[in-house]
Amino acid sequence: MESAFIFVIHSELFPLSFIVTSIGICNFVCRTITMAAPIVAEAENTMIPIGIIIISNLAGVICSFGLKPRLTLDPVRQSLK
């Protein structure tokens, strides 16, 4: 379900020529973080995983304020209307 939401919202936020690139960048970053998850989960200090979750959530909230919907549609989407 999350993947479908990503595809729908990307068309509202980015130009058509950048959609595939942005999804690829997000996919690469997510897979890299996923590979590091077992290392973080096995940390002796239990505050490390909790701190990483809090920091990543705060970074997501802060970054979401910078997203603005585009006012113009792509030529392809205009021709469909």
Protein backbone atom coordinates (compact mmCIF):
# COMPACT_ATOMS: atom_id res chain seq x y z
CA MET A 1 0.00 0.00 0.00
CA GLU A 2 2.86 2.37 0.77
CA SER A 3 4.34 1.86 -2.69
CA ALA A 4 1.09 2.87 -4.34
CA PHE A 5 0.96 6.03 -2.23
CA ILE A 6 4.54 6.89 -3.18
CA PHE A 7 3.75 6.62 -6.90
CA VAL A 8 0.62 8.76 -6.57
CA ILE A 9 2.19 11.53 -4.48
CA HIS A 10 5.36 11.70 -6.59
CA SER A 11 3.39 12.87 -9.61
CA GLU A 12 2.07 15.78 -7.56
CA LEU A 13 5.43 16.86 -6.14
CA PHE A 14 7.99 16.33 -8.89
CA PRO A 15 8.16 16.91 -12.65
CA LEU A 16 7.66 13.88 -14.86
CA SER A 17 11.33 13.74 -15.84
CA PHE A 18 12.46 13.47 -12.20
CA ILE A 19 9.92 10.95 -10.85
CA VAL A 20 11.90 7.81 -11.67
CA THR A 21 15.14 9.32 -10.37
CA SER A 22 13.57 10.35 -7.06
CA ILE A 23 12.00 6.92 -6.53
CA GLY A 24 15.36 5.29 -7.30
CA ILE A 25 17.17 7.52 -4.81
CA CYS A 26 14.58 6.77 -2.12
CA ASN A 27 14.79 3.04 -2.84
CA PHE A 28 18.61 3.07 -2.60
CA VAL A 29 18.63 5.00 0.69
CA CYS A 30 15.95 2.76 2.23
CA ARG A 31 17.76 -0.43 1.28
CA THR A 32 21.05 0.92 2.66
CA ILE A 33 19.40 1.81 5.97
CA THR A 34 17.75 -1.62 6.09
CA MET A 35 21.15 -3.30 5.78
CA ALA A 36 22.38 -1.32 8.81
CA ALA A 37 19.34 -2.21 10.94
CA PRO A 38 20.74 -5.44 12.46
CA ILE A 39 23.89 -3.63 13.56
CA VAL A 40 21.86 -0.95 15.31
CA ALA A 41 19.44 -3.48 16.85
CA GLU A 42 22.31 -5.41 18.45
CA ALA A 43 23.85 -2.37 20.11
CA GLU A 44 24.57 -2.89 23.80
CA ASN A 45 23.18 0.50 24.76
CA THR A 46 19.38 0.40 24.31
CA MET A 47 19.20 4.16 23.86
CA ILE A 48 21.02 3.99 20.50
CA PRO A 49 18.14 2.38 18.53
CA ILE A 50 15.57 4.62 20.20
CA GLY A 51 17.68 7.70 19.48
CA ILE A 52 18.06 6.73 15.82
CA ILE A 53 14.30 6.27 15.46
CA ILE A 54 13.60 9.65 17.07
CA ILE A 55 16.20 11.43 14.92
CA SER A 56 14.93 9.84 11.69
CA ASN A 57 11.32 10.72 12.53
CA LEU A 58 12.24 14.33 13.30
CA ALA A 59 14.23 14.55 10.05
CA GLY A 60 11.20 13.26 8.13
CA VAL A 61 8.90 15.81 9.74
CA ILE A 62 11.30 18.68 9.08
CA CYS A 63 11.87 17.63 5.45
CA SER A 64 8.14 17.29 4.80
CA PHE A 65 7.66 21.01 5.42
CA GLY A 66 9.82 21.71 2.35
CA LEU A 67 7.57 19.78 -0.04
CA LYS A 68 5.16 21.92 -2.01
CA PRO A 69 2.72 20.74 -4.70
CA ARG A 70 3.44 21.96 -8.21
CA LEU A 71 1.04 24.50 -9.65
CA THR A 72 1.48 23.46 -13.28
CA LEU A 73 0.86 20.04 -14.72
CA ASP A 74 3.15 18.18 -17.07
CA PRO A 75 2.28 18.31 -20.78
CA VAL A 76 1.34 14.63 -20.69
CA ARG A 77 -1.10 15.13 -17.84
CA GLN A 78 -2.54 18.25 -19.49
CA SER A 79 -3.28 16.31 -22.65
CA LEU A 80 -5.20 13.71 -20.60
CA LYS A 81 -7.57 16.31 -19.18
